[in-house]
């Protein structure tokens, strides 16, 4: 190694940058990506097979439970409603009857639910594979600061899943299944529609809880700034309140319960963006 290259390497170390570990060709990058995808798919498949085998538990104790009066959230809201003297919080007190319209519906939905369960349970593995793929492209200092990325991403995603399942799903089931435009129309809920509602709300909640993670990476590459998030704060609050109003029964308490975590996530995203941008500006000033 020449003196110039040696000095450049030492400078790189001082700045906290990663050292070159061998350039990879485009095809080698594709090969690396392929193996990470294969590992992720295998993890999802393994958990999906387990969920498929545990059919009774997955359907009776997880998928269909939120529509039952004995579901934890339904019981707690009913007790709290009795405490404050209102019946508006007594949701899903009449078990919802589901129907299957086609012969293959139950069989095909068994596969669908198993795949969704596999995706949720394998999420930490998938996040780890994504992190393993992008990690070599980061500087040493960036790797150090993002060392807990997989843990926090998995934690936030699973927290969102639980939030959606235990709070938004039962509220949405009660509202949508009892809503009526006319007494002439009788609600006969299709099993496919019910499962689609439960899974879509749960997944959406999981991704919403990743807002701080998205804020971190978008701020890192300069796409998002705290100034932009602050300037659209009022607009975002209105959107969040509208979302909470749509997916909850028409009472203020339920809407506030859903809106508060969403507002907190937005404020956390502003703070994270501010920290990232300040660090980048400081680094640029020092260079």
Protein backbone atom coordinates (compact mmCIF):
# COMPACT_ATOMS: atom_id res chain seq x y z
CA UNK A 1 0.00 0.00 0.00
CA UNK A 2 1.34 3.41 -0.96
CA UNK A 3 1.81 6.29 1.51
CA UNK A 4 -1.12 8.15 -0.10
CA UNK A 5 -3.45 5.19 0.25
CA UNK A 6 -2.29 4.68 3.84
CA UNK A 7 -3.03 8.31 4.71
CA UNK A 8 -6.45 8.07 3.06
CA UNK A 9 -7.25 4.92 5.07
CA UNK A 10 -6.22 6.60 8.33
CA UNK A 11 -8.36 9.64 7.49
CA UNK A 12 -11.30 7.37 6.79
CA UNK A 13 -10.87 5.69 10.18
CA UNK A 14 -10.75 9.05 11.95
CA UNK A 15 -13.98 10.17 10.30
CA UNK A 16 -15.73 7.00 11.45
CA UNK A 17 -16.23 5.67 7.95
CA UNK A 18 -16.12 2.05 6.98
CA UNK A 19 -13.08 0.70 5.20
CA UNK A 20 -13.46 -0.87 1.77
CA UNK A 21 -14.14 -4.58 2.14
CA UNK A 22 -13.90 -5.53 -1.50
CA UNK A 23 -16.07 -4.16 -4.27
CA UNK A 24 -18.96 -6.36 -5.34
CA UNK A 25 -20.28 -6.50 -8.88
CA UNK A 26 -23.93 -5.92 -9.73
CA UNK A 27 -24.49 -9.66 -10.14
CA UNK A 28 -22.83 -10.36 -6.78
CA UNK A 29 -25.22 -7.84 -5.16
CA UNK A 30 -28.15 -9.61 -6.79
CA UNK A 31 -26.86 -12.97 -5.54
CA UNK A 32 -26.52 -11.57 -2.02
CA UNK A 33 -30.05 -10.13 -2.19
CA UNK A 34 -31.39 -13.43 -3.48
CA UNK A 35 -30.08 -15.34 -0.47
CA UNK A 36 -31.54 -12.81 1.97
CA UNK A 37 -34.91 -13.12 0.22
CA UNK A 38 -34.71 -16.92 0.34
CA UNK A 39 -33.96 -16.88 4.07
CA UNK A 40 -36.88 -14.51 4.68
CA UNK A 41 -39.26 -16.64 2.64
CA UNK A 42 -38.13 -19.78 4.47
CA UNK A 43 -38.77 -18.13 7.84
CA UNK A 44 -42.24 -17.03 6.75
CA UNK A 45 -42.97 -20.51 5.36
CA UNK A 46 -41.90 -22.25 8.57
CA UNK A 47 -44.12 -20.05 10.76
CA UNK A 48 -46.97 -20.30 8.24
CA UNK A 49 -46.82 -24.11 8.35
CA UNK A 50 -46.95 -23.97 12.14
CA UNK A 51 -49.96 -21.64 11.99
CA UNK A 52 -51.64 -23.91 9.43
CA UNK A 53 -51.26 -26.91 11.74
CA UNK A 54 -52.60 -24.97 14.74
CA UNK A 55 -55.84 -24.19 12.90
CA UNK A 56 -58.20 -24.41 15.89
CA UNK A 57 -56.11 -22.10 18.06
CA UNK A 58 -55.43 -19.55 15.29
CA UNK A 59 -59.08 -19.24 14.26
CA UNK A 60 -60.98 -19.77 17.51
CA UNK A 61 -58.60 -18.01 19.92
CA UNK A 62 -57.17 -15.26 17.68
CA UNK A 63 -59.09 -14.53 14.48
CA UNK A 64 -62.66 -14.96 15.76
CA UNK A 65 -62.08 -13.88 19.36
CA UNK A 66 -62.44 -10.06 18.90
CA UNK A 67 -66.11 -10.48 17.89
CA UNK A 68 -66.91 -12.37 21.09
CA UNK A 69 -68.23 -10.70 24.30
CA UNK A 70 -65.52 -12.50 26.34
CA UNK A 71 -62.67 -10.95 24.36
CA UNK A 72 -60.39 -9.01 26.73
CA UNK A 73 -60.97 -5.59 25.16
CA UNK A 74 -64.73 -6.07 24.98
CA UNK A 75 -64.86 -7.08 28.65
CA UNK A 76 -62.65 -4.20 29.82
CA UNK A 77 -64.61 -1.59 27.86
CA UNK A 78 -67.89 -2.99 29.17
CA UNK A 79 -66.63 -2.78 32.76
CA UNK A 80 -65.35 0.75 32.23
CA UNK A 81 -68.68 1.70 30.64
CA UNK A 82 -70.50 0.42 33.72
CA UNK A 83 -68.11 2.39 35.95
CA UNK A 84 -68.78 5.71 34.20
CA UNK A 85 -72.44 4.93 33.62
CA UNK A 86 -72.66 4.56 29.85
CA UNK A 87 -73.61 1.75 27.49
CA UNK A 88 -71.78 3.12 24.45
CA UNK A 89 -68.59 1.25 25.41
CA UNK A 90 -70.33 -2.11 25.58
CA UNK A 91 -69.22 -3.42 22.19
CA UNK A 92 -69.59 -6.84 20.52
CA UNK A 93 -72.04 -8.08 23.14
CA UNK A 94 -73.93 -10.14 20.57
CA UNK A 95 -71.61 -12.69 18.90
CA UNK A 96 -71.35 -12.02 15.19
CA UNK A 97 -72.45 -14.85 12.91
CA UNK A 98 -70.30 -15.44 9.83
CA UNK A 99 -71.17 -17.21 6.60
CA UNK A 100 -69.12 -18.78 3.80
CA UNK A 101 -70.51 -18.08 0.34
CA UNK A 102 -68.42 -20.52 -1.67
CA UNK A 103 -67.47 -24.15 -1.06
CA UNK A 104 -63.76 -23.40 -1.16
CA UNK A 105 -63.89 -20.28 1.06
CA UNK A 106 -62.99 -21.92 4.36
CA UNK A 107 -60.22 -24.02 2.84
CA UNK A 108 -58.65 -21.09 0.95
CA UNK A 109 -58.98 -18.73 3.92
CA UNK A 110 -57.16 -21.30 6.03
CA UNK A 111 -54.14 -20.85 3.73
CA UNK A 112 -54.53 -17.05 3.74
CA UNK A 113 -54.63 -16.77 7.52
CA UNK A 114 -51.64 -19.12 7.87
CA UNK A 115 -49.64 -16.95 5.44
CA UNK A 116 -50.55 -13.76 7.32
CA UNK A 117 -49.60 -15.36 10.64
CA UNK A 118 -46.29 -16.46 9.09
CA UNK A 119 -45.54 -12.92 7.94
CA UNK A 120 -46.26 -11.45 11.37
CA UNK A 121 -44.32 -14.05 13.35
CA UNK A 122 -41.37 -13.99 10.95
CA UNK A 123 -41.21 -10.17 10.89
CA UNK A 124 -38.07 -9.98 13.13
CA UNK A 125 -36.28 -12.43 10.83
CA UNK A 126 -37.31 -10.46 7.73
CA UNK A 127 -36.17 -7.18 9.30
CA UNK A 128 -32.85 -8.82 10.21
CA UNK A 129 -32.34 -9.99 6.62
CA UNK A 130 -33.06 -6.48 5.31
CA UNK A 131 -30.59 -5.05 7.81
CA UNK A 132 -27.94 -7.64 6.91
CA UNK A 133 -28.24 -6.65 3.25
CA UNK A 134 -27.85 -2.88 3.75
CA UNK A 135 -25.38 -3.06 6.66
CA UNK A 136 -22.19 -3.50 4.54
CA UNK A 137 -22.99 -0.26 2.68
CA UNK A 138 -22.99 1.81 5.89
CA UNK A 139 -20.06 3.58 7.51
CA UNK A 140 -18.75 2.16 10.79
CA UNK A 141 -20.19 5.10 12.72
CA UNK A 142 -23.60 4.67 11.08
CA UNK A 143 -23.57 0.96 11.84
CA UNK A 144 -22.82 1.72 15.47
CA UNK A 145 -25.69 4.21 15.78
CA UNK A 146 -28.10 1.85 14.00
CA UNK A 147 -27.03 -1.28 15.85
CA UNK A 148 -30.45 -1.63 17.50
CA UNK A 149 -32.38 -1.10 14.26
CA UNK A 150 -33.66 -4.68 14.01
CA UNK A 151 -34.75 -4.78 17.66
CA UNK A 152 -36.59 -1.45 17.62
CA UNK A 153 -38.16 -2.07 14.20
CA UNK A 154 -39.44 -5.48 15.33
CA UNK A 155 -40.63 -4.05 18.65
CA UNK A 156 -42.54 -1.17 17.05
CA UNK A 157 -44.07 -3.44 14.41
CA UNK A 158 -45.27 -5.99 16.98
CA UNK A 159 -46.56 -3.19 19.24
CA UNK A 160 -48.55 -1.88 16.27
CA UNK A 161 -49.91 -5.36 15.58
CA UNK A 162 -51.05 -5.70 19.20
CA UNK A 163 -52.50 -2.18 19.24
CA UNK A 164 -54.49 -2.84 16.08
CA UNK A 165 -55.65 -6.28 17.20
CA UNK A 166 -56.66 -5.44 20.77
CA UNK A 167 -58.08 -1.96 20.22
CA UNK A 168 -58.88 -1.02 16.62
CA UNK A 169 -60.13 -4.45 15.45
CA UNK A 170 -62.88 -4.95 18.11
CA UNK A 171 -64.02 -1.32 17.76
CA UNK A 172 -64.15 -1.66 13.97
CA UNK A 173 -66.01 -4.99 14.10
CA UNK A 174 -68.66 -3.55 16.39
CA UNK A 175 -69.14 -0.41 14.29
CA UNK A 176 -69.09 -2.00 10.84
CA UNK A 177 -71.20 -5.05 11.74
CA UNK A 178 -73.96 -3.00 13.41
CA UNK A 179 -74.01 -0.07 10.97
CA UNK A 180 -77.23 0.08 8.99
CA UNK A 181 -78.58 2.39 6.28
CA UNK A 182 -82.09 0.97 6.63
CA UNK A 183 -83.97 -1.61 8.71
CA UNK A 184 -84.85 -3.25 5.41
CA UNK A 185 -81.25 -4.45 5.01
CA UNK A 186 -80.01 -7.36 7.12
CA UNK A 187 -76.29 -7.76 7.73
CA UNK A 188 -74.98 -11.19 6.75
CA UNK A 189 -71.23 -10.97 7.14
CA UNK A 190 -69.09 -13.04 4.82
CA UNK A 191 -66.22 -14.87 6.51
CA UNK A 192 -63.86 -13.62 3.81
CA UNK A 193 -64.88 -10.01 4.46
CA UNK A 194 -64.44 -10.42 8.22
CA UNK A 195 -60.96 -11.94 7.95
CA UNK A 196 -59.91 -9.33 5.38
CA UNK A 197 -60.97 -6.56 7.79
CA UNK A 198 -59.12 -8.08 10.75
CA UNK A 199 -55.88 -8.75 8.86
CA UNK A 200 -55.79 -5.43 6.96
CA UNK A 201 -56.38 -3.36 10.11
CA UNK A 202 -53.80 -5.34 12.05
CA UNK A 203 -51.15 -5.05 9.32
CA UNK A 204 -51.89 -1.34 8.78
CA UNK A 205 -51.43 -0.69 12.51
CA UNK A 206 -48.10 -2.51 12.47
CA UNK A 207 -46.80 -0.36 9.62
CA UNK A 208 -48.17 2.87 11.16
CA UNK A 209 -46.11 2.13 14.27
CA UNK A 210 -43.02 2.05 12.01
CA UNK A 211 -43.46 5.78 11.36
CA UNK A 212 -40.47 6.72 13.58
CA UNK A 213 -38.29 4.22 11.69
CA UNK A 214 -39.36 5.65 8.33
CA UNK A 215 -38.72 9.13 9.71
CA UNK A 216 -35.19 8.15 10.72
CA UNK A 217 -34.17 6.74 7.33
CA UNK A 218 -35.92 9.40 5.25
CA UNK A 219 -34.26 12.11 7.35
CA UNK A 220 -30.96 10.30 7.00
CA UNK A 221 -31.05 10.59 3.20
CA UNK A 222 -32.35 14.16 3.30
CA UNK A 223 -35.88 13.52 2.01
CA UNK A 224 -37.65 14.40 5.28
CA UNK A 225 -36.98 17.33 7.62
CA UNK A 226 -38.42 18.30 11.02
CA UNK A 227 -39.45 21.65 9.50
CA UNK A 228 -41.67 19.84 6.99
CA UNK A 229 -43.24 17.64 9.69
CA UNK A 230 -43.90 20.66 11.94
CA UNK A 231 -45.41 22.73 9.12
CA UNK A 232 -47.91 19.95 8.37
CA UNK A 233 -48.56 19.05 12.01
CA UNK A 234 -52.10 20.47 12.06
CA UNK A 235 -52.99 18.76 8.80
CA UNK A 236 -51.62 15.47 10.13
CA UNK A 237 -53.58 15.78 13.36
CA UNK A 238 -56.78 16.30 11.39
CA UNK A 239 -56.04 13.20 9.31
CA UNK A 240 -55.25 11.14 12.41
CA UNK A 241 -58.47 12.27 14.12
CA UNK A 242 -60.45 11.42 10.99
CA UNK A 243 -58.89 7.95 10.90
CA UNK A 244 -59.72 7.47 14.59
CA UNK A 245 -63.30 8.66 14.00
CA UNK A 246 -63.81 6.32 11.04
CA UNK A 247 -62.57 3.13 12.68
CA UNK A 248 -64.15 3.62 16.12
CA UNK A 249 -67.72 3.84 17.43
CA UNK A 250 -69.25 7.34 17.47
CA UNK A 251 -68.12 8.27 20.97
CA UNK A 252 -65.34 10.64 21.98
CA UNK A 253 -63.65 8.26 24.42
CA UNK A 254 -62.98 5.56 21.81
CA UNK A 255 -61.71 8.10 19.30
CA UNK A 256 -59.31 9.60 21.83
CA UNK A 257 -57.99 6.14 22.79
CA UNK A 258 -57.05 5.47 19.17
CA UNK A 259 -55.84 8.99 18.33
CA UNK A 260 -53.43 9.45 21.26
CA UNK A 261 -50.91 6.73 20.22
CA UNK A 262 -51.02 7.98 16.61
CA UNK A 263 -50.28 11.55 17.69
CA UNK A 264 -47.48 10.33 19.95
CA UNK A 265 -45.88 8.46 17.02
CA UNK A 266 -46.04 11.58 14.88
CA UNK A 267 -44.38 13.70 17.57
CA UNK A 268 -41.72 11.01 18.06
CA UNK A 269 -41.05 11.13 14.31
CA UNK A 270 -40.51 14.90 14.47
CA UNK A 271 -38.01 14.49 17.31
CA UNK A 272 -36.13 11.70 15.53
CA UNK A 273 -35.97 13.73 12.33
CA UNK A 274 -34.66 16.73 14.28
CA UNK A 275 -31.87 14.69 15.90
CA UNK A 276 -30.82 13.12 12.58
CA UNK A 277 -30.77 16.44 10.70
CA UNK A 278 -28.81 18.18 13.48
CA UNK A 279 -26.19 15.44 13.46
CA UNK A 280 -25.88 15.66 9.68
CA UNK A 281 -25.50 19.46 9.79
CA UNK A 282 -22.85 19.15 12.51
CA UNK A 283 -20.94 16.57 10.49
CA UNK A 284 -21.03 18.77 7.40
CA UNK A 285 -19.82 21.77 9.40
CA UNK A 286 -16.87 19.80 10.75
CA UNK A 287 -15.83 18.40 7.36
